[in-house]
C-alpha atoms as a PDB file:
ATOM      1  CA  MET A   1      97.411 129.945 152.164  1.00  0.00           C
ATOM      2  CA  LEU A   2     100.387 128.473 154.179  1.00  0.00           C
ATOM      3  CA  ARG A   3     102.661 131.146 153.039  1.00  0.00           C
ATOM      4  CA  ALA A   4     100.159 133.657 154.393  1.00  0.00           C
ATOM      5  CA  LEU A   5     100.021 131.844 157.815  1.00  0.00           C
ATOM      6  CA  ALA A   6     103.805 131.709 157.987  1.00  0.00           C
ATOM      7  CA  GLU A   7     103.798 135.588 157.140  1.00  0.00           C
ATOM      8  CA  LEU A   8     101.435 136.242 159.871  1.00  0.00           C
ATOM      9  CA  GLU A   9     103.356 133.918 162.420  1.00  0.00           C
ATOM     10  CA  SER A  10     106.709 135.687 161.544  1.00  0.00           C
ATOM     11  CA  GLY A  11     105.733 139.412 160.672  1.00  0.00           C
ATOM     12  CA  PRO A  12     105.858 142.143 163.379  1.00  0.00           C
ATOM     13  CA  ALA A  13     102.902 141.958 165.517  1.00  0.00           C
ATOM     14  CA  GLY A  14     101.267 144.026 168.268  1.00  0.00           C
ATOM     15  CA  ALA A  15     103.440 146.939 169.810  1.00  0.00           C
ATOM     16  CA  SER A  16     106.299 146.050 167.541  1.00  0.00           C
ATOM     17  CA  ALA A  17     104.369 146.572 164.396  1.00  0.00           C
ATOM     18  CA  ASP A  18     103.861 150.052 162.868  1.00  0.00           C
ATOM     19  CA  ALA A  19     100.230 151.313 161.668  1.00  0.00           C
ATOM     20  CA  ASP A  20     101.417 150.086 158.064  1.00  0.00           C
ATOM     21  CA  GLN A  21     102.285 146.692 159.174  1.00  0.00           C
ATOM     22  CA  ARG A  22      99.178 146.355 161.254  1.00  0.00           C
ATOM     23  CA  MET A  23      97.147 147.318 158.346  1.00  0.00           C
ATOM     24  CA  ALA A  24      98.890 144.930 156.096  1.00  0.00           C
ATOM     25  CA  ARG A  25      98.240 142.062 158.570  1.00  0.00           C
ATOM     26  CA  GLU A  26      94.684 142.963 158.853  1.00  0.00           C
ATOM     27  CA  LYS A  27      94.191 142.782 155.111  1.00  0.00           C
ATOM     28  CA  LEU A  28      96.207 139.619 155.042  1.00  0.00           C
ATOM     29  CA  VAL A  29      93.800 138.208 157.748  1.00  0.00           C
ATOM     30  CA  GLU A  30      90.783 139.239 155.723  1.00  0.00           C
ATOM     31  CA  GLN A  31      92.107 137.604 152.553  1.00  0.00           C
ATOM     32  CA  LEU A  32      92.693 134.351 154.620  1.00  0.00           C
ATOM     33  CA  VAL A  33      89.033 134.456 155.993  1.00  0.00           C
ATOM     34  CA  ILE A  34      87.738 134.973 152.449  1.00  0.00           C
ATOM     35  CA  GLU A  35      90.088 132.050 151.001  1.00  0.00           C
ATOM     36  CA  GLU A  36      88.991 129.735 153.897  1.00  0.00           C
ATOM     37  CA  SER A  37      85.477 130.541 153.456  1.00  0.00           C
ATOM     38  CA  LYS A  38      85.846 129.445 149.814  1.00  0.00           C
ATOM     39  CA  HIS A  39      87.726 126.342 150.681  1.00  0.00           C
ATOM     40  CA  GLU A  40      85.241 124.926 153.340  1.00  0.00           C
ATOM     41  CA  ALA A  41      82.308 125.861 150.926  1.00  0.00           C
ATOM     42  CA  VAL A  42      83.829 124.038 148.018  1.00  0.00           C
ATOM     43  CA  GLU A  43      85.133 121.126 150.199  1.00  0.00           C
ATOM     44  CA  GLU A  44      81.570 120.775 151.376  1.00  0.00           C
ATOM     45  CA  GLU A  45      80.148 120.726 148.138  1.00  0.00           C
ATOM     46  CA  TYR A  46      82.443 118.652 146.065  1.00  0.00           C
ATOM     47  CA  PHE A  47      85.197 116.913 148.224  1.00  0.00           C
ATOM     48  CA  TRP A  48      83.205 115.537 151.092  1.00  0.00           C
ATOM     49  CA  PRO A  49      80.270 114.000 149.195  1.00  0.00           C
ATOM     50  CA  LEU A  50      82.889 112.277 147.042  1.00  0.00           C
ATOM     51  CA  VAL A  51      84.540 110.957 150.012  1.00  0.00           C
ATOM     52  CA  ARG A  52      81.419 109.756 151.434  1.00  0.00           C
ATOM     53  CA  ASP A  53      80.354 108.074 147.964  1.00  0.00           C
ATOM     54  CA  ARG A  54      83.580 106.322 147.276  1.00  0.00           C
ATOM     55  CA  LEU A  55      85.079 106.017 150.778  1.00  0.00           C
ATOM     56  CA  ALA A  56      82.120 105.021 152.934  1.00  0.00           C
ATOM     57  CA  ASP A  57      82.646 101.278 152.577  1.00  0.00           C
ATOM     58  CA  ASP A  58      86.656 102.037 152.549  1.00  0.00           C
ATOM     59  CA  PRO A  59      88.495 100.857 155.735  1.00  0.00           C
ATOM     60  CA  LYS A  60      90.006 104.461 155.283  1.00  0.00           C
ATOM     61  CA  PHE A  61      86.785 106.211 155.932  1.00  0.00           C
ATOM     62  CA  GLU A  62      86.855 105.697 159.594  1.00  0.00           C
ATOM     63  CA  GLU A  63      90.405 106.862 159.721  1.00  0.00           C
ATOM     64  CA  LEU A  64      89.387 109.866 157.650  1.00  0.00           C
ATOM     65  CA  LEU A  65      86.615 110.599 159.645  1.00  0.00           C
ATOM     66  CA  GLY A  66      88.649 110.564 162.928  1.00  0.00           C
ATOM     67  CA  THR A  67      90.744 113.224 161.424  1.00  0.00           C
ATOM     68  CA  PHE A  68      87.860 115.349 160.333  1.00  0.00           C
ATOM     69  CA  ILE A  69      86.610 115.031 164.088  1.00  0.00           C
ATOM     70  CA  THR A  70      89.959 115.989 165.503  1.00  0.00           C
ATOM     71  CA  ASP A  71      90.231 119.024 163.197  1.00  0.00           C
ATOM     72  CA  GLY A  72      86.695 120.015 163.949  1.00  0.00           C
ATOM     73  CA  ARG A  73      87.389 119.750 167.808  1.00  0.00           C
ATOM     74  CA  GLU A  74      90.585 121.958 167.154  1.00  0.00           C
ATOM     75  CA  HIS A  75      88.892 124.464 165.183  1.00  0.00           C
ATOM     76  CA  ILE A  76      86.357 124.813 168.048  1.00  0.00           C
ATOM     77  CA  ALA A  77      88.813 124.753 170.805  1.00  0.00           C
ATOM     78  CA  TYR A  78      90.741 127.575 168.876  1.00  0.00           C
ATOM     79  CA  GLU A  79      87.932 129.683 168.940  1.00  0.00           C
ATOM     80  CA  GLU A  80      86.429 129.066 172.312  1.00  0.00           C
ATOM     81  CA  ASP A  81      90.071 129.191 174.010  1.00  0.00           C
ATOM     82  CA  ASN A  82      91.756 131.980 172.029  1.00  0.00           C
ATOM     83  CA  VAL A  83      89.537 134.133 169.990  1.00  0.00           C
ATOM     84  CA  TRP A  84      86.364 134.354 172.171  1.00  0.00           C
ATOM     85  CA  PRO A  85      88.405 135.335 175.496  1.00  0.00           C
ATOM     86  CA  GLU A  86      90.011 138.118 173.594  1.00  0.00           C
ATOM     87  CA  LEU A  87      86.959 139.369 172.064  1.00  0.00           C
ATOM     88  CA  ARG A  88      85.192 139.323 175.550  1.00  0.00           C
ATOM     89  CA  LYS A  89      87.765 141.563 176.958  1.00  0.00           C
ATOM     90  CA  VAL A  90      87.080 144.357 174.507  1.00  0.00           C
ATOM     91  CA  LEU A  91      83.221 143.695 174.467  1.00  0.00           C
ATOM     92  CA  SER A  92      80.808 145.317 176.980  1.00  0.00           C
ATOM     93  CA  PRO A  93      78.317 142.568 178.261  1.00  0.00           C
ATOM     94  CA  GLU A  94      75.540 144.416 176.233  1.00  0.00           C
ATOM     95  CA  ASP A  95      77.814 143.871 172.967  1.00  0.00           C
ATOM     96  CA  ALA A  96      78.622 140.254 173.883  1.00  0.00           C
ATOM     97  CA  GLU A  97      74.770 139.526 174.298  1.00  0.00           C
ATOM     98  CA  ALA A  98      74.151 141.224 170.883  1.00  0.00           C
ATOM     99  CA  VAL A  99      76.882 139.038 169.112  1.00  0.00           C
ATOM    100  CA  ARG A 100      75.282 136.060 170.660  1.00  0.00           C
ATOM    101  CA  THR A 101      71.834 136.900 169.456  1.00  0.00           C
ATOM    102  CA  LYS A 102      73.000 137.699 166.118  1.00  0.00           C
ATOM    103  CA  LEU A 103      74.966 134.379 165.949  1.00  0.00           C
ATOM    104  CA  GLU A 104      71.794 132.570 166.984  1.00  0.00           C
ATOM    105  CA  GLN A 105      69.395 134.436 164.662  1.00  0.00           C
ATOM    106  CA  GLY A 106      71.971 134.037 161.723  1.00  0.00           C
ATOM    107  CA  LYS A 107      71.830 130.393 162.172  1.00  0.00           C
ATOM    108  CA  LYS A 108      68.266 130.157 161.776  1.00  0.00           C
ATOM    109  CA  LEU A 109      68.423 131.960 158.379  1.00  0.00           C
ATOM    110  CA  ALA A 110      71.725 130.503 157.133  1.00  0.00           C
ATOM    111  CA  PRO A 111      71.757 128.230 154.155  1.00  0.00           C
ATOM    112  CA  THR A 112      72.194 124.622 154.933  1.00  0.00           C
ATOM    113  CA  ARG A 113      74.131 123.676 151.952  1.00  0.00           C
ATOM    114  CA  PRO A 114      77.488 125.324 150.681  1.00  0.00           C
ATOM    115  CA  HIS A 115      77.378 127.820 147.924  1.00  0.00           C
ATOM    116  CA  PRO A 116      80.832 128.279 146.667  1.00  0.00           C
ATOM    117  CA  HIS A 117      79.991 130.757 143.907  1.00  0.00           C
ATOM    118  CA  THR A 118      78.627 133.345 146.436  1.00  0.00           C
ATOM    119  CA  PRO A 119      81.065 136.046 146.915  1.00  0.00           C
ATOM    120  CA  PRO A 120      82.364 135.905 150.633  1.00  0.00           C
ATOM    121  CA  LYS A 121      81.571 139.561 151.146  1.00  0.00           C
ATOM    122  CA  PRO A 122      79.573 140.140 154.417  1.00  0.00           C
ATOM    123  CA  GLY A 123      76.969 142.465 152.628  1.00  0.00           C
ATOM    124  CA  ILE A 124      76.397 139.984 149.958  1.00  0.00           C
ATOM    125  CA  LEU A 125      76.064 137.182 152.249  1.00  0.00           C
ATOM    126  CA  LYS A 126      73.905 139.145 154.527  1.00  0.00           C
ATOM    127  CA  SER A 127      71.408 139.907 151.649  1.00  0.00           C
ATOM    128  CA  ALA A 128      71.572 136.575 149.626  1.00  0.00           C
ATOM    129  CA  GLY A 129      71.857 134.262 152.768  1.00  0.00           C
ATOM    130  CA  PRO A 130      68.279 134.433 153.809  1.00  0.00           C
ATOM    131  CA  ALA A 131      66.908 133.930 150.124  1.00  0.00           C
ATOM    132  CA  VAL A 132      69.355 130.963 149.401  1.00  0.00           C
ATOM    133  CA  ALA A 133      68.427 129.361 152.996  1.00  0.00           C
ATOM    134  CA  VAL A 134      64.831 129.366 151.931  1.00  0.00           C
ATOM    135  CA  ALA A 135      65.616 127.386 148.593  1.00  0.00           C
ATOM    136  CA  ASP A 136      68.040 125.143 150.594  1.00  0.00           C
ATOM    137  CA  ARG A 137      65.226 124.291 153.173  1.00  0.00           C
ATOM    138  CA  ALA A 138      62.598 123.479 150.536  1.00  0.00           C
ATOM    139  CA  ARG A 139      65.172 121.277 148.830  1.00  0.00           C
ATOM    140  CA  ASP A 140      65.958 119.623 152.125  1.00  0.00           C
ATOM    141  CA  ALA A 141      62.145 119.103 152.752  1.00  0.00           C
ATOM    142  CA  VAL A 142      61.727 117.481 149.293  1.00  0.00           C
ATOM    143  CA  THR A 143      64.679 115.386 149.698  1.00  0.00           C
ATOM    144  CA  GLY A 144      63.960 114.517 153.261  1.00  0.00           C
ATOM    145  CA  ARG A 145      67.385 115.840 154.380  1.00  0.00           C
ATOM    146  CA  ASP A 146      65.570 117.908 156.908  1.00  0.00           C
ATOM    147  CA  LYS A 147      64.534 114.894 158.773  1.00  0.00           C
ATOM    148  CA  ASP A 148      68.242 114.033 160.031  1.00  0.00           C
END
Protein backbone atom coordinates (compact mmCIF):
# COMPACT_ATOMS: atom_id res chain seq x y z
CA MET A 1 0.00 0.00 0.00
CA LEU A 2 2.85 2.39 0.77
CA ARG A 3 4.28 1.79 -2.69
CA ALA A 4 0.93 2.66 -4.28
CA LEU A 5 0.68 5.84 -2.20
CA ALA A 6 4.20 6.84 -3.23
CA GLU A 7 3.33 6.16 -6.87
CA LEU A 8 0.27 8.38 -6.61
CA GLU A 9 2.33 11.15 -4.98
CA SER A 10 5.11 11.08 -7.54
CA GLY A 11 3.21 10.17 -10.71
CA PRO A 12 1.89 12.60 -13.30
CA ALA A 13 -1.36 14.20 -12.21
CA GLY A 14 -3.90 16.70 -13.41
CA ALA A 15 -3.08 18.47 -16.66
CA SER A 16 0.38 16.87 -16.84
CA ALA A 17 -1.12 13.36 -17.06
CA ASP A 18 -2.38 11.94 -20.33
CA ALA A 19 -5.59 9.88 -20.56
CA ASP A 20 -3.81 6.55 -19.99
CA GLN A 21 -1.96 7.91 -16.96
CA ARG A 22 -5.19 9.31 -15.49
CA MET A 23 -6.89 5.95 -16.04
CA ALA A 24 -3.97 4.15 -14.37
CA ARG A 25 -4.20 6.54 -11.40
CA GLU A 26 -7.95 5.93 -11.11
CA LYS A 27 -7.40 2.16 -11.14
CA LEU A 28 -4.68 2.48 -8.51
CA VAL A 29 -6.99 4.58 -6.32
CA GLU A 30 -9.75 1.98 -6.73
CA GLN A 31 -7.34 -0.76 -5.63
CA LEU A 32 -6.26 1.33 -2.64
CA VAL A 33 -9.89 1.79 -1.60
CA ILE A 34 -10.45 -1.97 -1.86
CA GLU A 35 -7.31 -2.80 0.10
CA GLU A 36 -8.02 -0.17 2.75
CA SER A 37 -11.58 -1.46 3.13
CA LYS A 38 -10.28 -4.98 3.64
CA HIS A 39 -7.62 -3.72 6.04
CA GLU A 40 -10.11 -1.82 8.18
CA ALA A 41 -12.59 -4.71 8.31
CA VAL A 42 -9.94 -7.27 9.27
CA GLU A 43 -8.40 -4.90 11.79
CA GLU A 44 -11.78 -4.33 13.47
CA GLU A 45 -12.59 -8.04 13.56
CA TYR A 46 -9.24 -9.45 14.67
CA PHE A 47 -6.70 -6.81 15.68
CA TRP A 48 -8.60 -4.36 17.89
CA PRO A 49 -10.41 -7.07 19.88
CA LEU A 50 -7.00 -8.55 20.63
CA VAL A 51 -5.68 -5.14 21.64
CA ARG A 52 -8.66 -4.60 23.94
CA ASP A 53 -8.28 -8.07 25.42
CA ARG A 54 -4.53 -8.03 25.93
CA LEU A 55 -3.75 -4.37 26.48
CA ALA A 56 -6.80 -3.04 28.32
CA ASP A 57 -4.88 -3.14 31.60
CA ASP A 58 -1.56 -2.38 29.97
CA PRO A 59 -0.11 1.12 30.46
CA LYS A 60 0.38 1.26 26.67
CA PHE A 61 -3.37 0.98 26.14
CA GLU A 62 -3.92 4.70 26.67
CA GLU A 63 -0.99 5.51 24.42
CA LEU A 64 -2.37 3.27 21.68
CA LEU A 65 -5.83 4.70 22.18
CA GLY A 66 -4.39 8.20 21.85
CA THR A 67 -2.79 7.21 18.55
CA PHE A 68 -6.06 5.72 17.36
CA ILE A 69 -7.92 8.92 18.27
CA THR A 70 -5.33 11.08 16.49
CA ASP A 71 -5.50 8.90 13.37
CA GLY A 72 -9.30 9.01 13.43
CA ARG A 73 -9.29 12.79 13.63
CA GLU A 74 -6.79 13.03 10.77
CA HIS A 75 -8.97 10.74 8.64
CA ILE A 76 -12.04 12.86 9.32
CA ALA A 77 -10.14 16.12 8.73
CA TYR A 78 -8.81 14.82 5.40
CA GLU A 79 -12.32 14.03 4.18
CA GLU A 80 -13.80 17.27 5.49
CA ASP A 81 -10.95 19.56 4.44
CA ASN A 82 -9.79 17.96 1.18
CA VAL A 83 -12.33 15.57 -0.31
CA TRP A 84 -15.70 17.16 0.45
CA PRO A 85 -14.75 20.71 -0.63
CA GLU A 86 -13.54 19.41 -4.00
CA LEU A 87 -16.60 17.20 -4.43
CA ARG A 88 -18.93 20.08 -3.59
CA LYS A 89 -17.36 22.09 -6.42
CA VAL A 90 -18.59 19.54 -8.96
CA LEU A 91 -21.97 18.68 -7.39
CA SER A 92 -25.17 20.59 -7.76
CA PRO A 93 -26.98 21.40 -4.50
CA GLU A 94 -29.50 18.70 -5.40
CA ASP A 95 -26.76 16.10 -5.94
CA ALA A 96 -25.08 17.09 -2.66
CA GLU A 97 -28.38 16.66 -0.81
CA ALA A 98 -28.93 13.28 -2.50
CA VAL A 99 -25.48 12.10 -1.37
CA ARG A 100 -26.13 13.31 2.18
CA THR A 101 -29.45 11.45 2.24
CA LYS A 102 -27.88 8.27 0.85
CA LEU A 103 -25.12 8.38 3.48
CA GLU A 104 -27.62 8.87 6.31
CA GLN A 105 -29.88 6.08 5.04
CA GLY A 106 -26.88 3.84 4.40
CA LYS A 107 -25.78 4.14 8.03
CA LYS A 108 -29.21 2.95 9.16
CA LEU A 109 -28.86 -0.18 7.04
CA ALA A 110 -25.12 -0.78 7.44
CA PRO A 111 -23.66 -3.75 9.29
CA THR A 112 -22.54 -3.03 12.85
CA ARG A 113 -19.63 -5.46 12.72
CA PRO A 114 -16.80 -5.94 10.22
CA HIS A 115 -17.23 -8.68 7.62
CA PRO A 116 -13.81 -9.09 6.03
CA HIS A 117 -14.85 -11.93 3.73
CA THR A 118 -17.42 -9.80 1.94
CA PRO A 119 -15.95 -8.73 -1.41
CA PRO A 120 -15.44 -4.94 -1.39
CA LYS A 121 -17.53 -4.36 -4.49
CA PRO A 122 -20.26 -1.69 -4.30
CA GLY A 123 -22.94 -3.90 -5.89
CA ILE A 124 -22.29 -6.78 -3.52
CA LEU A 125 -22.08 -4.48 -0.51
CA LYS A 126 -25.38 -2.81 -1.43
CA SER A 127 -27.17 -6.12 -1.82
CA ALA A 128 -25.56 -8.10 1.01
CA GLY A 129 -25.16 -5.22 3.47
CA PRO A 130 -28.79 -4.94 4.59
CA ALA A 131 -29.12 -8.69 5.19
CA VAL A 132 -25.86 -8.79 7.12
CA ALA A 133 -26.92 -5.71 9.08
CA VAL A 134 -30.12 -7.44 10.21
CA ALA A 135 -28.05 -10.37 11.51
CA ASP A 136 -25.60 -7.98 13.21
CA ARG A 137 -28.37 -6.06 14.91
CA ALA A 138 -30.00 -9.29 16.13
CA ARG A 139 -26.65 -10.42 17.52
CA ASP A 140 -26.15 -7.00 19.12
CA ALA A 141 -29.57 -7.24 20.79
CA VAL A 142 -28.88 -10.73 22.15
CA THR A 143 -25.46 -9.76 23.52
CA GLY A 144 -26.57 -6.36 24.80
CA ARG A 145 -24.09 -4.61 22.53
CA ASP A 146 -26.85 -2.34 21.19
CA LYS A 147 -27.31 -0.77 24.63
CA ASP A 148 -23.97 1.06 24.56
